[in-house]
Amino acid sequence: MSNYNTITVEELKSRLDAGERIHLIDVREDEEVAQGMIPGAVHLPLGQVPQQLGAIPKEEEVVFICRSGYRSDQACQYLASIGYKGVANMIGGMLAWNQLEP
């Protein structure tokens, strides 16, 4: 089984609000990200991840985001299985993020 981290939306928001610079990759499809993304996130649809490995830091923390946490979990499993060290799945995805108080 592959090892990777998880992060809650509350923890991520707190770290971003504190000014921490975190690599964020949103693996949703174009029509989903058109409805809004976390500021600073990079859009990289899940299906393109294997072709875009060079765009993903291998040794640094990278938080993956999707609608509910399922596709970002798939991205984390895949990347951890090929040696990426800092991947983390945002639990609950944008559904949970959008429930946060402004």
N, C-alpha and C. Protein backbone atom coordinates (compact mmCIF):
# COMPACT_ATOMS: atom_id res chain seq x y z
N MET A 1 0.84 -1.19 0.00
CA MET A 1 0.00 0.00 0.00
C MET A 1 0.88 1.25 0.00
N SER A 2 0.49 2.23 -0.78
CA SER A 2 1.26 3.46 -0.89
C SER A 2 1.02 4.37 0.31
N ASN A 3 2.06 5.12 0.65
CA ASN A 3 1.94 6.07 1.75
C ASN A 3 1.85 7.48 1.23
N TYR A 4 0.84 8.19 1.68
CA TYR A 4 0.72 9.62 1.38
C TYR A 4 -0.12 10.25 2.46
N ASN A 5 -0.06 11.57 2.52
CA ASN A 5 -0.73 12.31 3.59
C ASN A 5 -2.13 12.74 3.18
N THR A 6 -2.88 13.17 4.17
CA THR A 6 -4.16 13.82 3.94
C THR A 6 -4.13 15.15 4.68
N ILE A 7 -4.97 16.07 4.24
CA ILE A 7 -5.08 17.36 4.90
C ILE A 7 -6.55 17.76 4.89
N THR A 8 -7.01 18.32 6.00
CA THR A 8 -8.39 18.78 6.05
C THR A 8 -8.49 20.15 5.41
N VAL A 9 -9.68 20.54 5.00
CA VAL A 9 -9.87 21.86 4.41
C VAL A 9 -9.57 22.95 5.45
N GLU A 10 -9.90 22.69 6.71
CA GLU A 10 -9.64 23.66 7.76
C GLU A 10 -8.13 23.88 7.94
N GLU A 11 -7.38 22.78 7.95
CA GLU A 11 -5.93 22.88 8.10
C GLU A 11 -5.31 23.61 6.91
N LEU A 12 -5.75 23.27 5.71
CA LEU A 12 -5.20 23.93 4.52
C LEU A 12 -5.52 25.42 4.54
N LYS A 13 -6.77 25.77 4.83
CA LYS A 13 -7.14 27.20 4.86
C LYS A 13 -6.33 27.95 5.90
N SER A 14 -6.15 27.36 7.05
CA SER A 14 -5.37 27.99 8.11
C SER A 14 -3.93 28.24 7.66
N ARG A 15 -3.33 27.26 7.01
CA ARG A 15 -1.95 27.41 6.54
C ARG A 15 -1.86 28.45 5.43
N LEU A 16 -2.83 28.47 4.52
CA LEU A 16 -2.83 29.47 3.45
C LEU A 16 -3.05 30.86 4.02
N ASP A 17 -3.98 30.98 4.97
CA ASP A 17 -4.25 32.28 5.61
C ASP A 17 -3.02 32.80 6.35
N ALA A 18 -2.17 31.89 6.82
CA ALA A 18 -0.95 32.28 7.53
C ALA A 18 0.16 32.67 6.55
N GLY A 19 -0.14 32.58 5.26
CA GLY A 19 0.84 32.99 4.26
C GLY A 19 1.76 31.89 3.78
N GLU A 20 1.49 30.66 4.18
CA GLU A 20 2.33 29.55 3.76
C GLU A 20 2.14 29.30 2.26
N ARG A 21 3.23 29.09 1.57
CA ARG A 21 3.16 28.80 0.14
C ARG A 21 3.14 27.27 -0.04
N ILE A 22 2.04 26.78 -0.56
CA ILE A 22 1.84 25.34 -0.71
C ILE A 22 1.49 25.07 -2.17
N HIS A 23 2.11 24.03 -2.73
CA HIS A 23 1.74 23.63 -4.09
C HIS A 23 0.35 23.01 -4.05
N LEU A 24 -0.57 23.56 -4.82
CA LEU A 24 -1.94 23.05 -4.91
C LEU A 24 -2.21 22.65 -6.35
N ILE A 25 -2.67 21.43 -6.56
CA ILE A 25 -3.02 20.97 -7.90
C ILE A 25 -4.46 20.48 -7.88
N ASP A 26 -5.28 21.11 -8.73
CA ASP A 26 -6.70 20.78 -8.84
C ASP A 26 -6.86 19.82 -10.03
N VAL A 27 -7.31 18.60 -9.76
CA VAL A 27 -7.40 17.57 -10.80
C VAL A 27 -8.80 17.44 -11.40
N ARG A 28 -9.67 18.43 -11.14
CA ARG A 28 -11.01 18.38 -11.72
C ARG A 28 -10.97 18.71 -13.20
N GLU A 29 -12.09 18.52 -13.87
CA GLU A 29 -12.20 18.82 -15.29
C GLU A 29 -12.46 20.30 -15.51
N ASP A 30 -12.29 20.75 -16.76
CA ASP A 30 -12.40 22.17 -17.10
C ASP A 30 -13.71 22.80 -16.62
N GLU A 31 -14.83 22.12 -16.86
CA GLU A 31 -16.12 22.71 -16.49
C GLU A 31 -16.28 22.82 -14.98
N GLU A 32 -15.59 21.97 -14.23
CA GLU A 32 -15.67 22.06 -12.77
C GLU A 32 -14.83 23.22 -12.24
N VAL A 33 -13.62 23.40 -12.77
CA VAL A 33 -12.78 24.49 -12.27
C VAL A 33 -13.33 25.84 -12.70
N ALA A 34 -14.14 25.86 -13.75
CA ALA A 34 -14.77 27.12 -14.18
C ALA A 34 -15.68 27.66 -13.09
N GLN A 35 -16.13 26.80 -12.19
CA GLN A 35 -17.01 27.22 -11.09
C GLN A 35 -16.22 27.75 -9.90
N GLY A 36 -14.90 27.72 -9.99
CA GLY A 36 -14.07 28.27 -8.93
C GLY A 36 -13.00 27.32 -8.46
N MET A 37 -11.85 27.91 -8.13
CA MET A 37 -10.71 27.15 -7.62
C MET A 37 -10.17 27.85 -6.38
N ILE A 38 -9.39 27.13 -5.60
CA ILE A 38 -8.69 27.73 -4.48
C ILE A 38 -7.62 28.65 -5.07
N PRO A 39 -7.54 29.90 -4.61
CA PRO A 39 -6.53 30.81 -5.15
C PRO A 39 -5.12 30.21 -5.06
N GLY A 40 -4.40 30.28 -6.17
CA GLY A 40 -3.04 29.75 -6.21
C GLY A 40 -2.94 28.33 -6.72
N ALA A 41 -4.08 27.65 -6.85
CA ALA A 41 -4.06 26.27 -7.34
C ALA A 41 -3.76 26.24 -8.84
N VAL A 42 -3.11 25.17 -9.27
CA VAL A 42 -2.83 24.92 -10.68
C VAL A 42 -3.81 23.86 -11.16
N HIS A 43 -4.39 24.08 -12.33
CA HIS A 43 -5.34 23.11 -12.89
C HIS A 43 -4.58 22.07 -13.71
N LEU A 44 -4.73 20.80 -13.32
CA LEU A 44 -4.12 19.69 -14.05
C LEU A 44 -5.11 18.52 -13.97
N PRO A 45 -5.97 18.36 -14.99
CA PRO A 45 -6.96 17.29 -14.93
C PRO A 45 -6.32 15.92 -14.64
N LEU A 46 -7.02 15.11 -13.88
CA LEU A 46 -6.51 13.81 -13.45
C LEU A 46 -5.95 13.00 -14.61
N GLY A 47 -6.65 12.97 -15.74
CA GLY A 47 -6.20 12.18 -16.88
C GLY A 47 -4.88 12.63 -17.47
N GLN A 48 -4.46 13.86 -17.17
CA GLN A 48 -3.21 14.38 -17.70
C GLN A 48 -2.03 14.21 -16.74
N VAL A 49 -2.29 13.78 -15.51
CA VAL A 49 -1.23 13.67 -14.51
C VAL A 49 -0.06 12.81 -15.01
N PRO A 50 -0.29 11.60 -15.57
CA PRO A 50 0.86 10.79 -15.99
C PRO A 50 1.74 11.46 -17.06
N GLN A 51 1.16 12.30 -17.90
CA GLN A 51 1.92 12.97 -18.95
C GLN A 51 2.58 14.25 -18.44
N GLN A 52 2.21 14.72 -17.26
CA GLN A 52 2.70 16.01 -16.75
C GLN A 52 3.53 15.85 -15.47
N LEU A 53 4.19 14.71 -15.31
CA LEU A 53 4.93 14.46 -14.08
C LEU A 53 6.00 15.52 -13.82
N GLY A 54 6.58 16.07 -14.89
CA GLY A 54 7.60 17.10 -14.73
C GLY A 54 7.08 18.37 -14.10
N ALA A 55 5.77 18.58 -14.13
CA ALA A 55 5.17 19.79 -13.56
C ALA A 55 4.82 19.61 -12.09
N ILE A 56 5.04 18.42 -11.56
CA ILE A 56 4.66 18.11 -10.18
C ILE A 56 5.94 17.92 -9.35
N PRO A 57 6.17 18.77 -8.34
CA PRO A 57 7.37 18.61 -7.51
C PRO A 57 7.40 17.22 -6.87
N LYS A 58 8.56 16.54 -6.98
CA LYS A 58 8.66 15.16 -6.51
C LYS A 58 8.97 15.05 -5.02
N GLU A 59 9.68 16.03 -4.48
CA GLU A 59 10.13 15.94 -3.08
C GLU A 59 9.41 16.92 -2.16
N GLU A 60 8.62 17.84 -2.71
CA GLU A 60 7.96 18.86 -1.90
C GLU A 60 6.50 18.48 -1.64
N GLU A 61 5.91 19.12 -0.64
CA GLU A 61 4.50 18.90 -0.36
C GLU A 61 3.65 19.44 -1.52
N VAL A 62 2.75 18.61 -2.00
CA VAL A 62 1.80 19.00 -3.04
C VAL A 62 0.43 18.51 -2.61
N VAL A 63 -0.53 19.43 -2.48
CA VAL A 63 -1.88 19.07 -2.08
C VAL A 63 -2.74 18.94 -3.33
N PHE A 64 -3.39 17.79 -3.45
CA PHE A 64 -4.26 17.53 -4.59
C PHE A 64 -5.72 17.74 -4.19
N ILE A 65 -6.46 18.35 -5.12
CA ILE A 65 -7.83 18.79 -4.86
C ILE A 65 -8.73 18.29 -5.99
N CYS A 66 -9.94 17.86 -5.64
CA CYS A 66 -10.96 17.56 -6.65
C CYS A 66 -12.31 17.96 -6.06
N ARG A 67 -13.38 17.42 -6.59
CA ARG A 67 -14.71 17.80 -6.12
C ARG A 67 -15.00 17.25 -4.73
N SER A 68 -14.75 15.95 -4.54
CA SER A 68 -15.12 15.31 -3.28
C SER A 68 -13.95 14.65 -2.55
N GLY A 69 -12.80 14.55 -3.19
CA GLY A 69 -11.66 13.89 -2.58
C GLY A 69 -11.33 12.55 -3.20
N TYR A 70 -12.17 12.04 -4.10
CA TYR A 70 -11.93 10.72 -4.69
C TYR A 70 -10.86 10.77 -5.78
N ARG A 71 -11.01 11.68 -6.74
CA ARG A 71 -10.01 11.75 -7.82
C ARG A 71 -8.66 12.22 -7.31
N SER A 72 -8.66 13.15 -6.36
CA SER A 72 -7.39 13.58 -5.79
C SER A 72 -6.73 12.43 -5.03
N ASP A 73 -7.53 11.57 -4.42
CA ASP A 73 -7.00 10.37 -3.77
C ASP A 73 -6.35 9.45 -4.80
N GLN A 74 -6.96 9.30 -5.96
CA GLN A 74 -6.38 8.48 -7.02
C GLN A 74 -5.04 9.05 -7.47
N ALA A 75 -4.98 10.37 -7.63
CA ALA A 75 -3.73 11.02 -8.03
C ALA A 75 -2.65 10.76 -6.99
N CYS A 76 -2.99 10.88 -5.71
CA CYS A 76 -2.03 10.65 -4.64
C CYS A 76 -1.54 9.21 -4.62
N GLN A 77 -2.46 8.27 -4.78
CA GLN A 77 -2.07 6.85 -4.81
C GLN A 77 -1.08 6.59 -5.94
N TYR A 78 -1.39 7.11 -7.13
CA TYR A 78 -0.54 6.90 -8.29
C TYR A 78 0.84 7.51 -8.07
N LEU A 79 0.88 8.77 -7.66
CA LEU A 79 2.16 9.46 -7.51
C LEU A 79 3.00 8.85 -6.39
N ALA A 80 2.37 8.49 -5.28
CA ALA A 80 3.12 7.85 -4.19
C ALA A 80 3.70 6.51 -4.65
N SER A 81 2.96 5.80 -5.51
CA SER A 81 3.43 4.49 -5.97
C SER A 81 4.65 4.59 -6.88
N ILE A 82 4.86 5.78 -7.47
CA ILE A 82 6.02 5.94 -8.36
C ILE A 82 7.10 6.82 -7.71
N GLY A 83 7.00 7.00 -6.39
CA GLY A 83 8.10 7.61 -5.66
C GLY A 83 7.95 9.07 -5.27
N TYR A 84 6.80 9.67 -5.49
CA TYR A 84 6.61 11.06 -5.05
C TYR A 84 6.44 11.07 -3.54
N LYS A 85 7.16 11.98 -2.87
CA LYS A 85 7.26 11.95 -1.41
C LYS A 85 6.24 12.82 -0.68
N GLY A 86 5.84 13.96 -1.24
CA GLY A 86 5.07 14.91 -0.46
C GLY A 86 3.61 15.05 -0.85
N VAL A 87 3.05 14.07 -1.55
CA VAL A 87 1.67 14.23 -2.00
C VAL A 87 0.70 14.13 -0.83
N ALA A 88 -0.35 14.95 -0.91
CA ALA A 88 -1.38 14.96 0.14
C ALA A 88 -2.74 15.16 -0.52
N ASN A 89 -3.73 14.45 -0.02
CA ASN A 89 -5.09 14.55 -0.53
C ASN A 89 -5.91 15.47 0.39
N MET A 90 -6.57 16.47 -0.21
CA MET A 90 -7.46 17.34 0.57
C MET A 90 -8.78 16.60 0.78
N ILE A 91 -9.03 16.23 2.01
CA ILE A 91 -10.22 15.45 2.37
C ILE A 91 -11.49 16.26 2.11
N GLY A 92 -12.44 15.64 1.43
CA GLY A 92 -13.73 16.28 1.19
C GLY A 92 -13.79 17.16 -0.04
N GLY A 93 -12.62 17.47 -0.61
CA GLY A 93 -12.57 18.23 -1.86
C GLY A 93 -13.21 19.60 -1.78
N MET A 94 -13.56 20.11 -2.95
CA MET A 94 -14.15 21.44 -3.04
C MET A 94 -15.53 21.50 -2.39
N LEU A 95 -16.21 20.37 -2.28
CA LEU A 95 -17.50 20.36 -1.57
C LEU A 95 -17.28 20.81 -0.13
N ALA A 96 -16.23 20.28 0.51
CA ALA A 96 -15.92 20.65 1.89
C ALA A 96 -15.35 22.08 1.94
N TRP A 97 -14.48 22.43 0.99
CA TRP A 97 -13.88 23.77 0.98
C TRP A 97 -14.97 24.84 0.90
N ASN A 98 -15.95 24.61 0.05
CA ASN A 98 -17.02 25.60 -0.14
C ASN A 98 -17.94 25.73 1.06
N GLN A 99 -17.85 24.79 2.02
CA GLN A 99 -18.65 24.87 3.24
C GLN A 99 -17.96 25.69 4.34
N LEU A 100 -16.68 26.04 4.11
CA LEU A 100 -15.95 26.83 5.10
C LEU A 100 -16.56 28.22 5.22
N GLU A 101 -16.48 28.76 6.40
CA GLU A 101 -16.92 30.14 6.62
C GLU A 101 -15.92 31.07 5.95
N PRO A 102 -16.38 32.13 5.31
CA PRO A 102 -15.46 33.06 4.63
C PRO A 102 -14.55 33.78 5.61
